[in-house]
Amino acid sequence: GSLLGYGGGVPRDGEHLQVVILSCRDERLGIVVDRVLRRDEVVVKSVGKFLQGTRLLSGATILRFGDPAVILNVFDLFDTASETRGEIRAPEAPRRSSRLLVVDDSITARTVQKGILERVGYVVDLAADAEAALEMIRARKYDLIVTDIEMPGMSGFELTAALKEDPATRPIPVVMVTTRAEDSQRRRGIEVGARAYITKGTFDEGVLLETVRRLIG
């Protein structure tokens, strides 16, 4: 925002940042952005005489759903940022080491999620199924549960419902991370008590971290 002249807030300590890395003339530049939507191959079109010569623009394109978008000039961005560059510090750990439980029958999925959450300072335990998760929850206090839906034995829906039926575990926020993208599945997840529903097909670690921070800080 600051490079484009719209202003930009200073990142807070511990804030998770989305950064686009640009390369030019054997140099690299990290630009903080609000969101990274996706990666596309596009046809660059001229902006026409109305916008010709506009600072930082190299062209325009039409996105997949027909929306127009301008294309920024990497060389100009480097030149504009040359006087305002600074180091981006790694996010600090949360002030309180919140303990989370990740429940997923896929060792890959739960290990990846554990790494993402531990990298910003959360303490993370793992369970391969809902039955094991219930035993761990009875033995230890957790601040948040991240669970898959389709697992051998008890499903994530059943696990969440069981937690919400028990007054001792009812306050624990549950986040569902699943391959099931259907609206009916999403509605069912919310109905049984999940506080958030993330689809693995569009999984992004920033979404997971932002969701966890929103629920427990």
Protein backbone atom coordinates (compact mmCIF):
# COMPACT_ATOMS: atom_id res chain seq x y z
CA GLY A 1 0.00 0.00 0.00
CA SER A 2 2.77 2.45 0.87
CA LEU A 3 4.58 1.77 -2.43
CA LEU A 4 1.39 2.49 -4.39
CA GLY A 5 0.71 5.67 -2.45
CA TYR A 6 -2.28 4.38 -0.50
CA GLY A 7 -0.52 4.25 2.85
CA GLY A 8 0.30 1.13 4.78
CA GLY A 9 0.20 0.19 8.44
CA VAL A 10 3.32 -0.93 10.25
CA PRO A 11 3.13 -4.69 10.97
CA ARG A 12 2.54 -5.47 14.63
CA ASP A 13 4.98 -7.65 16.55
CA GLY A 14 3.96 -11.27 16.17
CA GLU A 15 1.66 -10.55 13.23
CA HIS A 16 1.62 -13.16 10.47
CA LEU A 17 2.55 -11.52 7.17
CA GLN A 18 1.87 -12.47 3.55
CA VAL A 19 4.96 -11.51 1.53
CA VAL A 20 5.53 -11.58 -2.23
CA ILE A 21 9.20 -11.97 -3.18
CA LEU A 22 10.26 -10.11 -6.35
CA SER A 23 13.54 -10.71 -8.21
CA CYS A 24 15.27 -8.09 -10.34
CA ARG A 25 18.90 -7.39 -11.29
CA ASP A 26 20.25 -10.09 -8.93
CA GLU A 27 18.35 -8.53 -6.05
CA ARG A 28 15.29 -9.67 -4.13
CA LEU A 29 12.57 -7.55 -2.59
CA GLY A 30 9.88 -8.69 -0.15
CA ILE A 31 6.58 -6.80 -0.38
CA VAL A 32 3.96 -7.24 2.32
CA VAL A 33 0.48 -7.75 0.81
CA ASP A 34 -2.99 -8.18 2.28
CA ARG A 35 -3.58 -11.56 0.64
CA VAL A 36 -2.06 -13.92 -1.91
CA LEU A 37 -5.01 -15.03 -4.01
CA ARG A 38 -3.45 -17.52 -6.42
CA ARG A 39 -0.85 -17.95 -9.16
CA ASP A 40 -2.01 -17.31 -12.74
CA GLU A 41 -0.60 -17.19 -16.25
CA VAL A 42 -2.07 -14.16 -18.00
CA VAL A 43 -1.93 -12.31 -21.30
CA VAL A 44 -0.55 -8.80 -20.78
CA LYS A 45 -2.53 -6.11 -22.57
CA SER A 46 -1.79 -2.44 -23.11
CA VAL A 47 -3.52 -0.08 -20.67
CA GLY A 48 -4.33 2.35 -23.48
CA LYS A 49 -3.60 6.04 -23.76
CA PHE A 50 -5.85 6.96 -20.82
CA LEU A 51 -3.51 5.23 -18.33
CA GLN A 52 -0.36 5.29 -20.45
CA GLY A 53 2.58 6.57 -18.45
CA THR A 54 0.92 5.89 -15.10
CA ARG A 55 3.54 5.26 -12.48
CA LEU A 56 4.23 1.60 -11.56
CA LEU A 57 1.93 0.11 -14.24
CA SER A 58 3.24 -2.12 -17.02
CA GLY A 59 -0.06 -3.32 -18.42
CA ALA A 60 -3.39 -4.93 -17.65
CA THR A 61 -5.14 -8.27 -18.02
CA ILE A 62 -8.55 -9.94 -17.76
CA LEU A 63 -8.81 -12.52 -14.96
CA ARG A 64 -10.52 -15.89 -15.24
CA PHE A 65 -13.98 -14.58 -14.25
CA GLY A 66 -13.81 -11.51 -16.48
CA ASP A 67 -12.53 -9.03 -13.90
CA PRO A 68 -9.93 -6.53 -15.11
CA ALA A 69 -6.65 -6.22 -13.22
CA VAL A 70 -3.62 -3.98 -13.59
CA ILE A 71 -0.10 -5.43 -13.72
CA LEU A 72 2.58 -3.73 -11.67
CA ASN A 73 6.02 -2.98 -13.09
CA VAL A 74 8.66 -4.90 -11.11
CA PHE A 75 11.47 -2.52 -12.09
CA ASP A 76 9.51 0.49 -10.87
CA LEU A 77 8.63 -1.25 -7.63
CA PHE A 78 12.33 -1.86 -6.93
CA ASP A 79 13.17 1.76 -7.63
CA THR A 80 10.33 3.03 -5.44
CA ALA A 81 11.26 0.74 -2.58
CA SER A 82 14.99 1.53 -2.70
CA GLU A 83 14.71 4.26 -0.08
CA THR A 84 12.23 2.49 2.20
CA ARG A 85 13.52 -1.05 2.45
CA GLY A 86 13.67 -2.72 5.84
CA GLU A 87 14.05 -6.13 7.32
CA ILE A 88 10.97 -8.20 8.11
CA ARG A 89 11.34 -9.81 11.50
CA ALA A 90 10.08 -13.33 12.06
CA PRO A 91 6.78 -13.50 13.92
CA GLU A 92 7.19 -13.70 17.67
CA ALA A 93 5.57 -16.47 19.64
CA PRO A 94 2.18 -15.80 21.22
CA ARG A 95 2.48 -14.29 24.69
CA ARG A 96 0.90 -17.40 26.17
CA SER A 97 1.94 -20.81 24.89
CA SER A 98 -1.50 -22.09 23.93
CA ARG A 99 -1.79 -25.86 23.58
CA LEU A 100 -3.55 -27.24 20.51
CA LEU A 101 -4.56 -30.74 19.47
CA VAL A 102 -4.51 -31.75 15.79
CA VAL A 103 -6.65 -34.79 14.95
CA ASP A 104 -6.18 -36.40 11.53
CA ASP A 105 -5.73 -39.98 10.35
CA SER A 106 -3.25 -38.77 7.69
CA ILE A 107 0.23 -38.58 9.18
CA THR A 108 1.23 -36.11 6.46
CA ALA A 109 -1.66 -33.75 7.12
CA ARG A 110 -1.25 -33.68 10.88
CA THR A 111 2.54 -33.31 10.67
CA VAL A 112 2.24 -30.37 8.24
CA GLN A 113 -0.32 -28.63 10.44
CA LYS A 114 1.81 -29.25 13.54
CA GLY A 115 4.80 -27.63 11.83
CA ILE A 116 2.78 -24.58 10.77
CA LEU A 117 1.39 -24.01 14.26
CA GLU A 118 4.59 -24.71 16.16
CA ARG A 119 6.52 -22.32 13.94
CA VAL A 120 4.65 -19.39 15.47
CA GLY A 121 4.93 -20.65 19.04
CA TYR A 122 1.91 -22.86 19.74
CA VAL A 123 2.38 -26.14 21.60
CA VAL A 124 0.83 -28.89 19.46
CA ASP A 125 -0.12 -32.49 20.24
CA LEU A 126 -1.24 -35.04 17.64
CA ALA A 127 -3.93 -37.71 17.54
CA ALA A 128 -4.49 -40.19 14.71
CA ASP A 129 -8.21 -40.66 15.42
CA ALA A 130 -11.09 -39.18 17.39
CA GLU A 131 -11.07 -41.87 20.08
CA ALA A 132 -7.42 -41.16 20.93
CA ALA A 133 -8.19 -37.44 20.86
CA LEU A 134 -10.96 -37.83 23.47
CA GLU A 135 -8.60 -39.66 25.80
CA MET A 136 -6.00 -36.91 25.43
CA ILE A 137 -8.58 -34.18 25.99
CA ARG A 138 -9.73 -35.86 29.22
CA ALA A 139 -6.14 -36.01 30.45
CA ARG A 140 -4.97 -32.54 29.44
CA LYS A 141 -6.42 -29.08 28.87
CA TYR A 142 -6.40 -27.82 25.27
CA ASP A 143 -7.13 -24.29 24.05
CA LEU A 144 -8.25 -25.36 20.56
CA ILE A 145 -8.87 -28.53 18.53
CA VAL A 146 -8.11 -28.88 14.80
CA THR A 147 -9.80 -31.94 13.35
CA ASP A 148 -10.36 -33.78 10.09
CA ILE A 149 -13.87 -35.07 9.35
CA GLU A 150 -13.43 -38.46 7.67
CA MET A 151 -11.47 -40.76 9.97
CA PRO A 152 -11.70 -44.46 10.89
CA GLY A 153 -14.19 -44.98 13.70
CA MET A 154 -15.61 -41.76 15.10
CA SER A 155 -15.82 -38.91 12.57
CA GLY A 156 -14.83 -35.31 13.14
CA PHE A 157 -18.52 -34.42 13.30
CA GLU A 158 -19.07 -36.96 16.08
CA LEU A 159 -15.94 -35.80 17.93
CA THR A 160 -17.10 -32.18 17.83
CA ALA A 161 -20.61 -33.09 18.96
CA ALA A 162 -19.21 -35.11 21.88
CA LEU A 163 -17.05 -32.18 22.96
CA LYS A 164 -20.01 -29.80 22.83
CA GLU A 165 -22.22 -32.14 24.89
CA ASP A 166 -19.72 -32.13 27.78
CA PRO A 167 -19.80 -28.88 29.84
CA ALA A 168 -16.10 -29.31 30.62
CA THR A 169 -15.05 -29.30 26.95
CA ARG A 170 -17.85 -27.24 25.43
CA PRO A 171 -15.86 -23.95 25.47
CA ILE A 172 -12.94 -25.40 23.45
CA PRO A 173 -13.07 -23.99 19.88
CA VAL A 174 -13.02 -26.63 17.14
CA VAL A 175 -11.63 -25.94 13.64
CA MET A 176 -12.42 -28.47 10.91
CA VAL A 177 -9.81 -28.96 8.15
CA THR A 178 -11.16 -31.37 5.56
CA THR A 179 -11.31 -32.37 1.90
CA ARG A 180 -15.12 -32.11 1.99
CA ALA A 181 -15.97 -28.82 0.31
CA GLU A 182 -19.74 -29.30 -0.03
CA ASP A 183 -21.98 -26.65 1.52
CA SER A 184 -23.99 -29.38 3.24
CA GLN A 185 -20.85 -30.63 5.01
CA ARG A 186 -19.89 -27.10 6.00
CA ARG A 187 -23.37 -26.48 7.43
CA ARG A 188 -23.26 -29.74 9.35
CA GLY A 189 -19.88 -28.81 10.81
CA ILE A 190 -21.20 -25.50 12.09
CA GLU A 191 -24.38 -27.16 13.38
CA VAL A 192 -22.44 -29.63 15.56
CA GLY A 193 -20.40 -26.79 17.02
CA ALA A 194 -17.31 -26.13 14.86
CA ARG A 195 -16.16 -22.52 14.99
CA ALA A 196 -14.44 -22.63 11.57
CA TYR A 197 -14.33 -24.87 8.48
CA ILE A 198 -11.27 -24.94 6.20
CA THR A 199 -11.15 -26.97 2.97
CA LYS A 200 -7.89 -28.85 2.29
CA GLY A 201 -8.25 -28.31 -1.46
CA THR A 202 -7.71 -24.57 -0.95
CA PHE A 203 -5.59 -24.99 2.18
CA ASP A 204 -3.33 -22.08 2.97
CA GLU A 205 -1.25 -21.87 6.12
CA GLY A 206 -2.10 -18.18 6.45
CA VAL A 207 -5.80 -19.05 6.65
CA LEU A 208 -5.15 -21.64 9.36
CA LEU A 209 -2.99 -19.30 11.42
CA GLU A 210 -5.39 -16.39 11.06
CA THR A 211 -8.31 -18.62 12.10
CA VAL A 212 -6.47 -19.90 15.18
CA ARG A 213 -5.39 -16.40 16.18
CA ARG A 214 -8.92 -15.10 15.75
CA LEU A 215 -10.28 -17.79 18.07
CA ILE A 216 -7.66 -17.91 20.83
CA GLY A 217 -5.12 -15.17 20.12
